[in-house]
Amino acid sequence: MFPDLDGQPYQRILDPDTVAEMVRTVTPPDQLATAMQTASRRTFAIDSAPPLTLTLHTVGADWHVLHMAWHHIIGDGWSMRPLLADLATAYTARRDQRAPGWAELPVQYADYTLAA
């Protein structure tokens, strides 16, 4: 979140378990495109809520669609490729009933932003 303190926004890092609640919904196939367009048009109140929304649409027994939307303050086109690669790694591992093999990061993003 990016609350305001005396007219200046600042970054407030949330506990990972509270960052974004995933909405789970059953969405008929003929309503999926409209549901995703509606979700894409939501606005963010970045001063009071996480700048990220996640919606998992169950379209059929073996058909699920994850819709992710985030404010440009936390991600852009450059960050999308590694995020989607990590998501694919996690999905594949969980599908195969194993934990993903993440490499330890040399620096956390929050540390990087403080040094920049």
N, C-alpha and C. Protein backbone atom coordinates (compact mmCIF):
# COMPACT_ATOMS: atom_id res chain seq x y z
N MET A 1 0.84 -1.17 0.00
CA MET A 1 0.00 0.00 0.00
C MET A 1 0.89 1.23 0.00
N PHE A 2 0.28 2.33 -0.38
CA PHE A 2 1.02 3.59 -0.43
C PHE A 2 0.20 4.68 0.26
N PRO A 3 0.12 4.61 1.60
CA PRO A 3 -0.63 5.63 2.32
C PRO A 3 0.07 6.98 2.27
N ASP A 4 -0.64 7.99 2.70
CA ASP A 4 -0.15 9.36 2.67
C ASP A 4 0.18 9.80 4.10
N LEU A 5 1.33 10.42 4.29
CA LEU A 5 1.72 10.97 5.58
C LEU A 5 2.15 12.41 5.36
N ASP A 6 1.36 13.33 5.87
CA ASP A 6 1.65 14.76 5.72
C ASP A 6 1.86 15.16 4.25
N GLY A 7 1.02 14.62 3.38
CA GLY A 7 1.09 14.98 1.97
C GLY A 7 2.11 14.21 1.16
N GLN A 8 2.83 13.28 1.78
CA GLN A 8 3.84 12.49 1.08
C GLN A 8 3.46 11.01 1.11
N PRO A 9 3.34 10.37 -0.04
CA PRO A 9 3.07 8.94 -0.04
C PRO A 9 4.32 8.16 0.39
N TYR A 10 4.09 7.03 1.03
CA TYR A 10 5.20 6.16 1.40
C TYR A 10 4.78 4.71 1.19
N GLN A 11 5.75 3.84 1.06
CA GLN A 11 5.49 2.42 0.84
C GLN A 11 5.29 1.74 2.18
N ARG A 12 4.15 1.07 2.34
CA ARG A 12 3.88 0.27 3.54
C ARG A 12 3.85 -1.18 3.10
N ILE A 13 4.82 -1.96 3.55
CA ILE A 13 4.92 -3.36 3.16
C ILE A 13 4.02 -4.18 4.07
N LEU A 14 3.13 -4.94 3.47
CA LEU A 14 2.17 -5.74 4.21
C LEU A 14 2.70 -7.15 4.44
N ASP A 15 2.14 -7.80 5.43
CA ASP A 15 2.43 -9.21 5.67
C ASP A 15 2.02 -9.99 4.42
N PRO A 16 2.82 -10.94 3.97
CA PRO A 16 2.50 -11.67 2.74
C PRO A 16 1.11 -12.31 2.73
N ASP A 17 0.61 -12.70 3.90
CA ASP A 17 -0.70 -13.33 3.95
C ASP A 17 -1.85 -12.35 3.76
N THR A 18 -1.57 -11.05 3.81
CA THR A 18 -2.63 -10.06 3.68
C THR A 18 -2.50 -9.22 2.41
N VAL A 19 -1.58 -9.56 1.56
CA VAL A 19 -1.31 -8.73 0.38
C VAL A 19 -2.53 -8.65 -0.53
N ALA A 20 -3.08 -9.75 -0.93
CA ALA A 20 -4.25 -9.73 -1.81
C ALA A 20 -5.09 -10.97 -1.56
N GLU A 21 -6.35 -10.76 -1.39
CA GLU A 21 -7.27 -11.87 -1.22
C GLU A 21 -7.72 -12.33 -2.60
N MET A 22 -7.64 -13.64 -2.84
CA MET A 22 -8.07 -14.15 -4.13
C MET A 22 -9.58 -14.37 -4.09
N VAL A 23 -10.27 -13.79 -5.04
CA VAL A 23 -11.70 -14.01 -5.19
C VAL A 23 -11.87 -15.25 -6.05
N ARG A 24 -12.69 -16.17 -5.59
CA ARG A 24 -12.97 -17.38 -6.35
C ARG A 24 -14.42 -17.32 -6.81
N THR A 25 -14.63 -17.55 -8.09
CA THR A 25 -15.98 -17.43 -8.63
C THR A 25 -16.21 -18.48 -9.70
N VAL A 26 -17.45 -18.92 -9.81
CA VAL A 26 -17.84 -19.82 -10.90
C VAL A 26 -18.35 -18.92 -12.02
N THR A 27 -17.73 -19.05 -13.19
CA THR A 27 -18.05 -18.18 -14.32
C THR A 27 -18.39 -19.04 -15.53
N PRO A 28 -19.61 -18.96 -16.03
CA PRO A 28 -19.95 -19.73 -17.24
C PRO A 28 -19.09 -19.28 -18.42
N PRO A 29 -18.76 -20.19 -19.33
CA PRO A 29 -17.89 -19.86 -20.45
C PRO A 29 -18.34 -18.64 -21.25
N ASP A 30 -19.65 -18.48 -21.44
CA ASP A 30 -20.14 -17.36 -22.24
C ASP A 30 -20.07 -16.02 -21.50
N GLN A 31 -19.71 -16.04 -20.21
CA GLN A 31 -19.60 -14.81 -19.43
C GLN A 31 -18.15 -14.49 -19.04
N LEU A 32 -17.21 -15.34 -19.43
CA LEU A 32 -15.82 -15.16 -19.01
C LEU A 32 -15.22 -13.86 -19.55
N ALA A 33 -15.37 -13.59 -20.81
CA ALA A 33 -14.77 -12.37 -21.39
C ALA A 33 -15.30 -11.12 -20.70
N THR A 34 -16.60 -11.06 -20.48
CA THR A 34 -17.20 -9.90 -19.81
C THR A 34 -16.70 -9.78 -18.38
N ALA A 35 -16.62 -10.91 -17.67
CA ALA A 35 -16.14 -10.89 -16.29
C ALA A 35 -14.70 -10.39 -16.21
N MET A 36 -13.86 -10.80 -17.14
CA MET A 36 -12.47 -10.36 -17.13
C MET A 36 -12.35 -8.88 -17.52
N GLN A 37 -13.17 -8.43 -18.45
CA GLN A 37 -13.16 -7.00 -18.80
C GLN A 37 -13.60 -6.16 -17.62
N THR A 38 -14.63 -6.60 -16.91
CA THR A 38 -15.10 -5.88 -15.73
C THR A 38 -14.01 -5.82 -14.67
N ALA A 39 -13.35 -6.93 -14.42
CA ALA A 39 -12.28 -6.97 -13.42
C ALA A 39 -11.11 -6.07 -13.83
N SER A 40 -10.85 -5.98 -15.11
CA SER A 40 -9.74 -5.16 -15.60
C SER A 40 -10.00 -3.67 -15.45
N ARG A 41 -11.25 -3.30 -15.31
CA ARG A 41 -11.60 -1.88 -15.20
C ARG A 41 -11.68 -1.39 -13.76
N ARG A 42 -11.48 -2.26 -12.81
CA ARG A 42 -11.53 -1.83 -11.40
C ARG A 42 -10.42 -0.84 -11.13
N THR A 43 -10.72 0.10 -10.26
CA THR A 43 -9.70 1.07 -9.85
C THR A 43 -9.09 0.62 -8.53
N PHE A 44 -7.95 1.17 -8.21
CA PHE A 44 -7.24 0.83 -6.98
C PHE A 44 -7.21 2.03 -6.04
N ALA A 45 -7.45 1.77 -4.78
CA ALA A 45 -7.27 2.79 -3.73
C ALA A 45 -5.95 2.46 -3.05
N ILE A 46 -4.84 2.84 -3.70
CA ILE A 46 -3.52 2.38 -3.25
C ILE A 46 -3.13 2.93 -1.88
N ASP A 47 -3.85 3.92 -1.39
CA ASP A 47 -3.53 4.45 -0.06
C ASP A 47 -4.15 3.62 1.05
N SER A 48 -5.12 2.75 0.73
CA SER A 48 -5.81 2.01 1.78
C SER A 48 -5.99 0.52 1.50
N ALA A 49 -5.55 0.05 0.35
CA ALA A 49 -5.73 -1.36 0.00
C ALA A 49 -4.57 -1.82 -0.87
N PRO A 50 -4.31 -3.12 -0.90
CA PRO A 50 -3.24 -3.62 -1.76
C PRO A 50 -3.50 -3.26 -3.22
N PRO A 51 -2.46 -2.87 -3.96
CA PRO A 51 -2.62 -2.50 -5.36
C PRO A 51 -2.59 -3.71 -6.29
N LEU A 52 -3.30 -4.77 -5.89
CA LEU A 52 -3.31 -6.02 -6.64
C LEU A 52 -4.65 -6.71 -6.41
N THR A 53 -5.24 -7.24 -7.48
CA THR A 53 -6.43 -8.08 -7.34
C THR A 53 -6.20 -9.40 -8.07
N LEU A 54 -6.74 -10.45 -7.49
CA LEU A 54 -6.64 -11.79 -8.05
C LEU A 54 -8.03 -12.40 -8.08
N THR A 55 -8.44 -12.91 -9.23
CA THR A 55 -9.73 -13.58 -9.36
C THR A 55 -9.51 -14.90 -10.07
N LEU A 56 -9.93 -15.98 -9.43
CA LEU A 56 -9.84 -17.31 -10.04
C LEU A 56 -11.23 -17.70 -10.53
N HIS A 57 -11.38 -17.76 -11.84
CA HIS A 57 -12.65 -18.12 -12.46
C HIS A 57 -12.67 -19.63 -12.69
N THR A 58 -13.63 -20.32 -12.11
CA THR A 58 -13.86 -21.72 -12.43
C THR A 58 -14.87 -21.75 -13.56
N VAL A 59 -14.41 -22.13 -14.73
CA VAL A 59 -15.24 -22.12 -15.93
C VAL A 59 -15.82 -23.50 -16.19
N GLY A 60 -15.08 -24.53 -15.81
CA GLY A 60 -15.51 -25.91 -15.97
C GLY A 60 -14.75 -26.77 -14.99
N ALA A 61 -15.05 -28.06 -14.97
CA ALA A 61 -14.41 -28.97 -14.02
C ALA A 61 -12.88 -28.94 -14.12
N ASP A 62 -12.36 -28.84 -15.32
CA ASP A 62 -10.91 -28.79 -15.54
C ASP A 62 -10.50 -27.52 -16.27
N TRP A 63 -11.24 -26.44 -16.06
CA TRP A 63 -10.97 -25.18 -16.76
C TRP A 63 -11.05 -24.04 -15.76
N HIS A 64 -9.90 -23.49 -15.46
CA HIS A 64 -9.81 -22.36 -14.53
C HIS A 64 -8.99 -21.25 -15.19
N VAL A 65 -9.36 -20.03 -14.90
CA VAL A 65 -8.65 -18.87 -15.44
C VAL A 65 -8.32 -17.94 -14.28
N LEU A 66 -7.04 -17.62 -14.13
CA LEU A 66 -6.61 -16.68 -13.10
C LEU A 66 -6.47 -15.31 -13.73
N HIS A 67 -7.20 -14.35 -13.20
CA HIS A 67 -7.11 -12.97 -13.66
C HIS A 67 -6.34 -12.19 -12.61
N MET A 68 -5.24 -11.57 -13.02
CA MET A 68 -4.42 -10.75 -12.12
C MET A 68 -4.44 -9.32 -12.65
N ALA A 69 -4.65 -8.39 -11.75
CA ALA A 69 -4.58 -6.97 -12.13
C ALA A 69 -3.82 -6.25 -11.05
N TRP A 70 -2.91 -5.37 -11.48
CA TRP A 70 -2.15 -4.60 -10.49
C TRP A 70 -1.97 -3.18 -10.98
N HIS A 71 -1.80 -2.30 -10.01
CA HIS A 71 -1.54 -0.89 -10.30
C HIS A 71 -0.14 -0.79 -10.88
N HIS A 72 0.05 0.12 -11.81
CA HIS A 72 1.36 0.24 -12.47
C HIS A 72 2.46 0.66 -11.49
N ILE A 73 2.11 1.10 -10.30
CA ILE A 73 3.13 1.48 -9.32
C ILE A 73 3.89 0.26 -8.80
N ILE A 74 3.29 -0.94 -8.91
CA ILE A 74 3.97 -2.14 -8.41
C ILE A 74 4.46 -3.07 -9.51
N GLY A 75 4.10 -2.82 -10.75
CA GLY A 75 4.56 -3.69 -11.81
C GLY A 75 4.31 -3.08 -13.17
N ASP A 76 5.11 -3.48 -14.14
CA ASP A 76 4.97 -2.97 -15.49
C ASP A 76 5.27 -4.09 -16.48
N GLY A 77 5.38 -3.75 -17.73
CA GLY A 77 5.66 -4.75 -18.76
C GLY A 77 6.95 -5.51 -18.53
N TRP A 78 7.96 -4.84 -17.99
CA TRP A 78 9.24 -5.49 -17.75
C TRP A 78 9.13 -6.54 -16.64
N SER A 79 8.30 -6.29 -15.66
CA SER A 79 8.18 -7.22 -14.53
C SER A 79 7.23 -8.37 -14.82
N MET A 80 6.44 -8.26 -15.88
CA MET A 80 5.45 -9.29 -16.17
C MET A 80 6.09 -10.61 -16.58
N ARG A 81 7.13 -10.57 -17.40
CA ARG A 81 7.75 -11.81 -17.89
C ARG A 81 8.31 -12.67 -16.74
N PRO A 82 9.13 -12.11 -15.82
CA PRO A 82 9.61 -12.96 -14.73
C PRO A 82 8.48 -13.41 -13.79
N LEU A 83 7.47 -12.57 -13.59
CA LEU A 83 6.35 -12.97 -12.74
C LEU A 83 5.62 -14.16 -13.35
N LEU A 84 5.31 -14.09 -14.63
CA LEU A 84 4.61 -15.19 -15.28
C LEU A 84 5.47 -16.45 -15.34
N ALA A 85 6.78 -16.30 -15.50
CA ALA A 85 7.67 -17.46 -15.48
C ALA A 85 7.64 -18.12 -14.10
N ASP A 86 7.68 -17.31 -13.04
CA ASP A 86 7.61 -17.86 -11.68
C ASP A 86 6.26 -18.53 -11.44
N LEU A 87 5.19 -17.91 -11.92
CA LEU A 87 3.86 -18.49 -11.76
C LEU A 87 3.77 -19.83 -12.48
N ALA A 88 4.33 -19.92 -13.68
CA ALA A 88 4.32 -21.18 -14.43
C ALA A 88 5.14 -22.25 -13.70
N THR A 89 6.27 -21.85 -13.13
CA THR A 89 7.09 -22.79 -12.35
C THR A 89 6.31 -23.31 -11.15
N ALA A 90 5.66 -22.42 -10.44
CA ALA A 90 4.89 -22.81 -9.26
C ALA A 90 3.71 -23.70 -9.65
N TYR A 91 3.01 -23.33 -10.71
CA TYR A 91 1.86 -24.12 -11.16
C TYR A 91 2.29 -25.53 -11.56
N THR A 92 3.35 -25.63 -12.34
CA THR A 92 3.84 -26.93 -12.78
C THR A 92 4.25 -27.80 -11.60
N ALA A 93 4.96 -27.20 -10.65
CA ALA A 93 5.39 -27.96 -9.47
C ALA A 93 4.20 -28.46 -8.67
N ARG A 94 3.24 -27.59 -8.42
CA ARG A 94 2.06 -27.99 -7.63
C ARG A 94 1.22 -29.02 -8.38
N ARG A 95 1.13 -28.88 -9.69
CA ARG A 95 0.40 -29.86 -10.49
C ARG A 95 1.05 -31.24 -10.34
N ASP A 96 2.38 -31.24 -10.26
CA ASP A 96 3.14 -32.48 -10.10
C ASP A 96 3.29 -32.88 -8.63
N GLN A 97 2.57 -32.21 -7.74
CA GLN A 97 2.54 -32.49 -6.30
C GLN A 97 3.91 -32.39 -5.66
N ARG A 98 4.60 -31.29 -5.98
CA ARG A 98 5.88 -31.01 -5.35
C ARG A 98 6.00 -29.50 -5.14
N ALA A 99 6.93 -29.12 -4.30
CA ALA A 99 7.17 -27.70 -4.07
C ALA A 99 8.06 -27.15 -5.18
N PRO A 100 7.85 -25.91 -5.57
CA PRO A 100 8.74 -25.32 -6.58
C PRO A 100 10.14 -25.15 -6.00
N GLY A 101 11.15 -25.31 -6.84
CA GLY A 101 12.54 -25.17 -6.39
C GLY A 101 13.04 -23.76 -6.63
N TRP A 102 12.71 -22.86 -5.72
CA TRP A 102 13.13 -21.47 -5.88
C TRP A 102 14.58 -21.28 -5.47
N ALA A 103 15.30 -20.49 -6.23
CA ALA A 103 16.67 -20.12 -5.86
C ALA A 103 16.60 -18.97 -4.86
N GLU A 104 17.50 -18.96 -3.91
CA GLU A 104 17.57 -17.88 -2.93
C GLU A 104 17.96 -16.58 -3.64
N LEU A 105 17.23 -15.52 -3.35
CA LEU A 105 17.54 -14.23 -3.97
C LEU A 105 18.66 -13.53 -3.22
N PRO A 106 19.59 -12.91 -3.93
CA PRO A 106 20.70 -12.22 -3.25
C PRO A 106 20.25 -10.94 -2.55
N VAL A 107 19.13 -10.37 -3.01
CA VAL A 107 18.62 -9.14 -2.40
C VAL A 107 17.10 -9.13 -2.57
N GLN A 108 16.41 -8.60 -1.58
CA GLN A 108 14.96 -8.46 -1.67
C GLN A 108 14.63 -7.14 -2.37
N TYR A 109 13.49 -7.09 -3.04
CA TYR A 109 13.12 -5.89 -3.78
C TYR A 109 13.00 -4.68 -2.87
N ALA A 110 12.46 -4.87 -1.68
CA ALA A 110 12.32 -3.74 -0.74
C ALA A 110 13.70 -3.16 -0.41
N ASP A 111 14.71 -4.01 -0.25
CA ASP A 111 16.07 -3.52 0.02
C ASP A 111 16.60 -2.74 -1.18
N TYR A 112 16.31 -3.25 -2.38
CA TYR A 112 16.76 -2.58 -3.60
C TYR A 112 16.15 -1.18 -3.71
N THR A 113 14.85 -1.07 -3.40
CA THR A 113 14.20 0.23 -3.54
C THR A 113 14.77 1.24 -2.55
N LEU A 114 15.18 0.78 -1.38
CA LEU A 114 15.75 1.70 -0.40
C LEU A 114 17.12 2.20 -0.84
N ALA A 115 17.86 1.37 -1.58
CA ALA A 115 19.20 1.74 -2.02
C ALA A 115 19.18 2.58 -3.29
N ALA A 116 18.10 2.51 -4.04
CA ALA A 116 18.02 3.22 -5.33
C ALA A 116 17.82 4.71 -5.17
